Amino acid sequence: LVDDDRRRRSLAAGALETATGHAAAEVS
């Protein structure tokens, strides 16, 4: 991941989506 900026950015987008699904408004 350190060496692959493109893959890291792609996974980062998925990470943001995952976090959105656990946001306070979604959980409540």
PDB file of all heavy atoms in Angstrom:
ATOM      1  N   LEU A   1       0.822  -1.217   0.000  1.00  0.00           N
ATOM      2  CA  LEU A   1       0.000   0.000   0.000  1.00  0.00           C
ATOM      3  C   LEU A   1       0.852   1.263   0.000  1.00  0.00           C
ATOM      4  O   LEU A   1       0.501   2.250  -0.635  1.00  0.00           O
ATOM      5  CB  LEU A   1      -0.953   0.010   1.201  1.00  0.00           C
ATOM      6  CG  LEU A   1      -2.164  -0.894   1.086  1.00  0.00           C
ATOM      7  CD1 LEU A   1      -3.029  -0.780   2.328  1.00  0.00           C
ATOM      8  CD2 LEU A   1      -2.985  -0.571  -0.144  1.00  0.00           C
ATOM      9  N   VAL A   2       1.960   1.203   0.691  1.00  0.00           N
ATOM     10  CA  VAL A   2       2.872   2.349   0.707  1.00  0.00           C
ATOM     11  C   VAL A   2       3.385   2.627  -0.704  1.00  0.00           C
ATOM     12  O   VAL A   2       3.491   3.776  -1.132  1.00  0.00           O
ATOM     13  CB  VAL A   2       4.045   2.097   1.682  1.00  0.00           C
ATOM     14  CG1 VAL A   2       5.131   3.141   1.515  1.00  0.00           C
ATOM     15  CG2 VAL A   2       3.537   2.079   3.121  1.00  0.00           C
ATOM     16  N   ASP A   3       3.661   1.548  -1.437  1.00  0.00           N
ATOM     17  CA  ASP A   3       4.274   1.673  -2.761  1.00  0.00           C
ATOM     18  C   ASP A   3       3.284   1.868  -3.906  1.00  0.00           C
ATOM     19  O   ASP A   3       3.705   2.144  -5.027  1.00  0.00           O
ATOM     20  CB  ASP A   3       5.117   0.424  -3.058  1.00  0.00           C
ATOM     21  CG  ASP A   3       6.350   0.334  -2.183  1.00  0.00           C
ATOM     22  OD1 ASP A   3       6.801   1.385  -1.669  1.00  0.00           O
ATOM     23  OD2 ASP A   3       6.856  -0.786  -1.993  1.00  0.00           O
ATOM     24  N   ASP A   4       2.004   1.711  -3.675  1.00  0.00           N
ATOM     25  CA  ASP A   4       1.020   1.757  -4.756  1.00  0.00           C
ATOM     26  C   ASP A   4      -0.017   2.839  -4.500  1.00  0.00           C
ATOM     27  O   ASP A   4      -1.085   2.584  -3.910  1.00  0.00           O
ATOM     28  CB  ASP A   4       0.358   0.386  -4.902  1.00  0.00           C
ATOM     29  CG  ASP A   4      -0.496   0.264  -6.156  1.00  0.00           C
ATOM     30  OD1 ASP A   4      -0.881   1.291  -6.739  1.00  0.00           O
ATOM     31  OD2 ASP A   4      -0.792  -0.890  -6.529  1.00  0.00           O
ATOM     32  N   ASP A   5       0.270   4.038  -4.962  1.00  0.00           N
ATOM     33  CA  ASP A   5      -0.605   5.180  -4.711  1.00  0.00           C
ATOM     34  C   ASP A   5      -1.997   4.965  -5.314  1.00  0.00           C
ATOM     35  O   ASP A   5      -3.008   5.288  -4.678  1.00  0.00           O
ATOM     36  CB  ASP A   5       0.025   6.446  -5.288  1.00  0.00           C
ATOM     37  CG  ASP A   5      -0.760   7.684  -4.942  1.00  0.00           C
ATOM     38  OD1 ASP A   5      -0.985   7.928  -3.733  1.00  0.00           O
ATOM     39  OD2 ASP A   5      -1.158   8.424  -5.875  1.00  0.00           O
ATOM     40  N   ARG A   6      -2.073   4.402  -6.494  1.00  0.00           N
ATOM     41  CA  ARG A   6      -3.363   4.190  -7.159  1.00  0.00           C
ATOM     42  C   ARG A   6      -4.254   3.234  -6.349  1.00  0.00           C
ATOM     43  O   ARG A   6      -5.436   3.503  -6.139  1.00  0.00           O
ATOM     44  CB  ARG A   6      -3.126   3.646  -8.559  1.00  0.00           C
ATOM     45  CG  ARG A   6      -4.362   3.495  -9.372  1.00  0.00           C
ATOM     46  CD  ARG A   6      -3.995   3.126 -10.779  1.00  0.00           C
ATOM     47  NE  ARG A   6      -5.156   2.652 -11.495  1.00  0.00           N
ATOM     48  CZ  ARG A   6      -5.115   2.138 -12.679  1.00  0.00           C
ATOM     49  NH1 ARG A   6      -3.975   2.012 -13.310  1.00  0.00           N
ATOM     50  NH2 ARG A   6      -6.212   1.732 -13.263  1.00  0.00           N
ATOM     51  N   ARG A   7      -3.685   2.125  -5.909  1.00  0.00           N
ATOM     52  CA  ARG A   7      -4.454   1.162  -5.115  1.00  0.00           C
ATOM     53  C   ARG A   7      -4.866   1.771  -3.777  1.00  0.00           C
ATOM     54  O   ARG A   7      -5.984   1.581  -3.307  1.00  0.00           O
ATOM     55  CB  ARG A   7      -3.633  -0.104  -4.883  1.00  0.00           C
ATOM     56  CG  ARG A   7      -4.406  -1.157  -4.119  1.00  0.00           C
ATOM     57  CD  ARG A   7      -3.702  -2.485  -4.160  1.00  0.00           C
ATOM     58  NE  ARG A   7      -4.484  -3.497  -3.481  1.00  0.00           N
ATOM     59  CZ  ARG A   7      -4.013  -4.250  -2.512  1.00  0.00           C
ATOM     60  NH1 ARG A   7      -2.771  -4.141  -2.119  1.00  0.00           N
ATOM     61  NH2 ARG A   7      -4.784  -5.141  -1.943  1.00  0.00           N
ATOM     62  N   ARG A   8      -3.947   2.497  -3.165  1.00  0.00           N
ATOM     63  CA  ARG A   8      -4.232   3.128  -1.879  1.00  0.00           C
ATOM     64  C   ARG A   8      -5.406   4.103  -2.015  1.00  0.00           C
ATOM     65  O   ARG A   8      -6.301   4.145  -1.181  1.00  0.00           O
ATOM     66  CB  ARG A   8      -2.976   3.820  -1.353  1.00  0.00           C
ATOM     67  CG  ARG A   8      -3.052   4.246   0.085  1.00  0.00           C
ATOM     68  CD  ARG A   8      -1.723   4.756   0.608  1.00  0.00           C
ATOM     69  NE  ARG A   8      -1.193   5.863  -0.168  1.00  0.00           N
ATOM     70  CZ  ARG A   8      -0.117   5.788  -0.953  1.00  0.00           C
ATOM     71  NH1 ARG A   8       0.541   4.653  -1.075  1.00  0.00           N
ATOM     72  NH2 ARG A   8       0.306   6.842  -1.624  1.00  0.00           N
ATOM     73  N   ARG A   9      -5.429   4.859  -3.092  1.00  0.00           N
ATOM     74  CA  ARG A   9      -6.534   5.808  -3.310  1.00  0.00           C
ATOM     75  C   ARG A   9      -7.855   5.077  -3.558  1.00  0.00           C
ATOM     76  O   ARG A   9      -8.908   5.508  -3.091  1.00  0.00           O
ATOM     77  CB  ARG A   9      -6.213   6.743  -4.466  1.00  0.00           C
ATOM     78  CG  ARG A   9      -5.141   7.749  -4.142  1.00  0.00           C
ATOM     79  CD  ARG A   9      -4.845   8.638  -5.355  1.00  0.00           C
ATOM     80  NE  ARG A   9      -3.697   9.450  -5.143  1.00  0.00           N
ATOM     81  CZ  ARG A   9      -3.718  10.669  -4.614  1.00  0.00           C
ATOM     82  NH1 ARG A   9      -4.870  11.181  -4.224  1.00  0.00           N
ATOM     83  NH2 ARG A   9      -2.610  11.352  -4.468  1.00  0.00           N
ATOM     84  N   SER A  10      -7.794   3.986  -4.281  1.00  0.00           N
ATOM     85  CA  SER A  10      -8.998   3.202  -4.533  1.00  0.00           C
ATOM     86  C   SER A  10      -9.555   2.637  -3.228  1.00  0.00           C
ATOM     87  O   SER A  10     -10.764   2.715  -2.970  1.00  0.00           O
ATOM     88  CB  SER A  10      -8.671   2.055  -5.503  1.00  0.00           C
ATOM     89  OG  SER A  10      -9.774   1.201  -5.636  1.00  0.00           O
ATOM     90  N   LEU A  11      -8.687   2.068  -2.404  1.00  0.00           N
ATOM     91  CA  LEU A  11      -9.126   1.534  -1.109  1.00  0.00           C
ATOM     92  C   LEU A  11      -9.609   2.652  -0.192  1.00  0.00           C
ATOM     93  O   LEU A  11     -10.521   2.454   0.609  1.00  0.00           O
ATOM     94  CB  LEU A  11      -8.003   0.745  -0.445  1.00  0.00           C
ATOM     95  CG  LEU A  11      -7.564  -0.535  -1.171  1.00  0.00           C
ATOM     96  CD1 LEU A  11      -6.386  -1.171  -0.442  1.00  0.00           C
ATOM     97  CD2 LEU A  11      -8.709  -1.503  -1.318  1.00  0.00           C
ATOM     98  N   ALA A  12      -9.006   3.825  -0.318  1.00  0.00           N
ATOM     99  CA  ALA A  12      -9.426   4.967   0.500  1.00  0.00           C
ATOM    100  C   ALA A  12     -10.871   5.347   0.196  1.00  0.00           C
ATOM    101  O   ALA A  12     -11.647   5.673   1.100  1.00  0.00           O
ATOM    102  CB  ALA A  12      -8.505   6.154   0.264  1.00  0.00           C
ATOM    103  N   ALA A  13     -11.252   5.285  -1.079  1.00  0.00           N
ATOM    104  CA  ALA A  13     -12.639   5.593  -1.456  1.00  0.00           C
ATOM    105  C   ALA A  13     -13.595   4.597  -0.811  1.00  0.00           C
ATOM    106  O   ALA A  13     -14.652   4.975  -0.287  1.00  0.00           O
ATOM    107  CB  ALA A  13     -12.788   5.588  -2.977  1.00  0.00           C
ATOM    108  N   GLY A  14     -13.237   3.326  -0.823  1.00  0.00           N
ATOM    109  CA  GLY A  14     -14.069   2.310  -0.173  1.00  0.00           C
ATOM    110  C   GLY A  14     -14.128   2.507   1.333  1.00  0.00           C
ATOM    111  O   GLY A  14     -15.165   2.290   1.964  1.00  0.00           O
ATOM    112  N   ALA A  15     -13.006   2.915   1.911  1.00  0.00           N
ATOM    113  CA  ALA A  15     -12.962   3.166   3.353  1.00  0.00           C
ATOM    114  C   ALA A  15     -13.927   4.299   3.722  1.00  0.00           C
ATOM    115  O   ALA A  15     -14.660   4.203   4.708  1.00  0.00           O
ATOM    116  CB  ALA A  15     -11.541   3.503   3.788  1.00  0.00           C
ATOM    117  N   LEU A  16     -13.935   5.354   2.923  1.00  0.00           N
ATOM    118  CA  LEU A  16     -14.855   6.467   3.186  1.00  0.00           C
ATOM    119  C   LEU A  16     -16.311   6.014   3.098  1.00  0.00           C
ATOM    120  O   LEU A  16     -17.134   6.394   3.936  1.00  0.00           O
ATOM    121  CB  LEU A  16     -14.599   7.608   2.199  1.00  0.00           C
ATOM    122  CG  LEU A  16     -13.338   8.430   2.462  1.00  0.00           C
ATOM    123  CD1 LEU A  16     -13.035   9.337   1.277  1.00  0.00           C
ATOM    124  CD2 LEU A  16     -13.489   9.241   3.744  1.00  0.00           C
ATOM    125  N   GLU A  17     -16.629   5.185   2.110  1.00  0.00           N
ATOM    126  CA  GLU A  17     -17.999   4.666   1.995  1.00  0.00           C
ATOM    127  C   GLU A  17     -18.373   3.807   3.192  1.00  0.00           C
ATOM    128  O   GLU A  17     -19.489   3.891   3.703  1.00  0.00           O
ATOM    129  CB  GLU A  17     -18.150   3.846   0.713  1.00  0.00           C
ATOM    130  CG  GLU A  17     -18.482   4.672  -0.488  1.00  0.00           C
ATOM    131  CD  GLU A  17     -18.860   3.812  -1.674  1.00  0.00           C
ATOM    132  OE1 GLU A  17     -19.599   2.824  -1.496  1.00  0.00           O
ATOM    133  OE2 GLU A  17     -18.399   4.142  -2.772  1.00  0.00           O
ATOM    134  N   THR A  18     -17.440   2.982   3.632  1.00  0.00           N
ATOM    135  CA  THR A  18     -17.697   2.129   4.798  1.00  0.00           C
ATOM    136  C   THR A  18     -17.977   2.985   6.025  1.00  0.00           C
ATOM    137  O   THR A  18     -18.915   2.722   6.773  1.00  0.00           O
ATOM    138  CB  THR A  18     -16.492   1.204   5.061  1.00  0.00           C
ATOM    139  OG1 THR A  18     -16.311   0.362   3.916  1.00  0.00           O
ATOM    140  CG2 THR A  18     -16.712   0.345   6.296  1.00  0.00           C
ATOM    141  N   ALA A  19     -17.175   3.999   6.232  1.00  0.00           N
ATOM    142  CA  ALA A  19     -17.354   4.871   7.394  1.00  0.00           C
ATOM    143  C   ALA A  19     -18.700   5.583   7.336  1.00  0.00           C
ATOM    144  O   ALA A  19     -19.364   5.745   8.364  1.00  0.00           O
ATOM    145  CB  ALA A  19     -16.218   5.883   7.473  1.00  0.00           C
ATOM    146  N   THR A  20     -19.131   5.964   6.146  1.00  0.00           N
ATOM    147  CA  THR A  20     -20.421   6.634   5.989  1.00  0.00           C
ATOM    148  C   THR A  20     -21.555   5.738   6.476  1.00  0.00           C
ATOM    149  O   THR A  20     -22.510   6.212   7.093  1.00  0.00           O
ATOM    150  CB  THR A  20     -20.649   7.028   4.518  1.00  0.00           C
ATOM    151  OG1 THR A  20     -19.604   7.918   4.122  1.00  0.00           O
ATOM    152  CG2 THR A  20     -21.988   7.695   4.316  1.00  0.00           C
ATOM    153  N   GLY A  21     -21.433   4.439   6.229  1.00  0.00           N
ATOM    154  CA  GLY A  21     -22.451   3.502   6.675  1.00  0.00           C
ATOM    155  C   GLY A  21     -22.519   3.342   8.183  1.00  0.00           C
ATOM    156  O   GLY A  21     -23.476   2.777   8.714  1.00  0.00           O
ATOM    157  N   HIS A  22     -21.502   3.826   8.878  1.00  0.00           N
ATOM    158  CA  HIS A  22     -21.459   3.745  10.342  1.00  0.00           C
ATOM    159  C   HIS A  22     -21.564   5.120  10.997  1.00  0.00           C
ATOM    160  O   HIS A  22     -21.324   5.250  12.194  1.00  0.00           O
ATOM    161  CB  HIS A  22     -20.163   3.066  10.793  1.00  0.00           C
ATOM    162  CG  HIS A  22     -20.088   1.633  10.381  1.00  0.00           C
ATOM    163  ND1 HIS A  22     -20.748   0.631  11.052  1.00  0.00           N
ATOM    164  CD2 HIS A  22     -19.457   1.037   9.358  1.00  0.00           C
ATOM    165  CE1 HIS A  22     -20.508  -0.526  10.460  1.00  0.00           C
ATOM    166  NE2 HIS A  22     -19.728  -0.305   9.431  1.00  0.00           N
ATOM    167  N   ALA A  23     -21.944   6.119  10.226  1.00  0.00           N
ATOM    168  CA  ALA A  23     -22.097   7.468  10.762  1.00  0.00           C
ATOM    169  C   ALA A  23     -23.270   7.512  11.741  1.00  0.00           C
ATOM    170  O   ALA A  23     -24.191   6.687  11.675  1.00  0.00           O
ATOM    171  CB  ALA A  23     -22.317   8.462   9.629  1.00  0.00           C
ATOM    172  N   ALA A  24     -23.240   8.473  12.641  1.00  0.00           N
ATOM    173  CA  ALA A  24     -24.267   8.581  13.683  1.00  0.00           C
ATOM    174  C   ALA A  24     -25.678   8.617  13.106  1.00  0.00           C
ATOM    175  O   ALA A  24     -26.578   7.929  13.609  1.00  0.00           O
ATOM    176  CB  ALA A  24     -24.004   9.814  14.539  1.00  0.00           C
ATOM    177  N   ALA A  25     -25.885   9.371  12.051  1.00  0.00           N
ATOM    178  CA  ALA A  25     -27.227   9.476  11.461  1.00  0.00           C
ATOM    179  C   ALA A  25     -27.683   8.126  10.912  1.00  0.00           C
ATOM    180  O   ALA A  25     -28.849   7.738  11.087  1.00  0.00           O
ATOM    181  CB  ALA A  25     -27.234  10.520  10.352  1.00  0.00           C
ATOM    182  N   GLU A  26     -26.783   7.396  10.280  1.00  0.00           N
ATOM    183  CA  GLU A  26     -27.132   6.080   9.729  1.00  0.00           C
ATOM    184  C   GLU A  26     -27.436   5.081  10.836  1.00  0.00           C
ATOM    185  O   GLU A  26     -28.418   4.345  10.772  1.00  0.00           O
ATOM    186  CB  GLU A  26     -25.980   5.572   8.857  1.00  0.00           C
ATOM    187  CG  GLU A  26     -26.216   4.219   8.245  1.00  0.00           C
ATOM    188  CD  GLU A  26     -27.333   4.195   7.221  1.00  0.00           C
ATOM    189  OE1 GLU A  26     -27.595   5.224   6.577  1.00  0.00           O
ATOM    190  OE2 GLU A  26     -27.955   3.129   7.064  1.00  0.00           O
ATOM    191  N   VAL A  27     -26.617   5.045  11.851  1.00  0.00           N
ATOM    192  CA  VAL A  27     -26.802   4.097  12.950  1.00  0.00           C
ATOM    193  C   VAL A  27     -28.076   4.419  13.730  1.00  0.00           C
ATOM    194  O   VAL A  27     -28.846   3.524  14.079  1.00  0.00           O
ATOM    195  CB  VAL A  27     -25.569   4.078  13.881  1.00  0.00           C
ATOM    196  CG1 VAL A  27     -25.823   3.231  15.118  1.00  0.00           C
ATOM    197  CG2 VAL A  27     -24.359   3.548  13.114  1.00  0.00           C
ATOM    198  N   SER A  28     -28.325   5.700  13.977  1.00  0.00           N
ATOM    199  CA  SER A  28     -29.534   6.059  14.721  1.00  0.00           C
ATOM    200  C   SER A  28     -30.789   5.709  13.920  1.00  0.00           C
ATOM    201  O   SER A  28     -31.789   5.269  14.488  1.00  0.00           O
ATOM    202  CB  SER A  28     -29.529   7.537  15.112  1.00  0.00           C
ATOM    203  OG  SER A  28     -29.594   8.358  13.970  1.00  0.00           O
TER     204      SER A  28
END
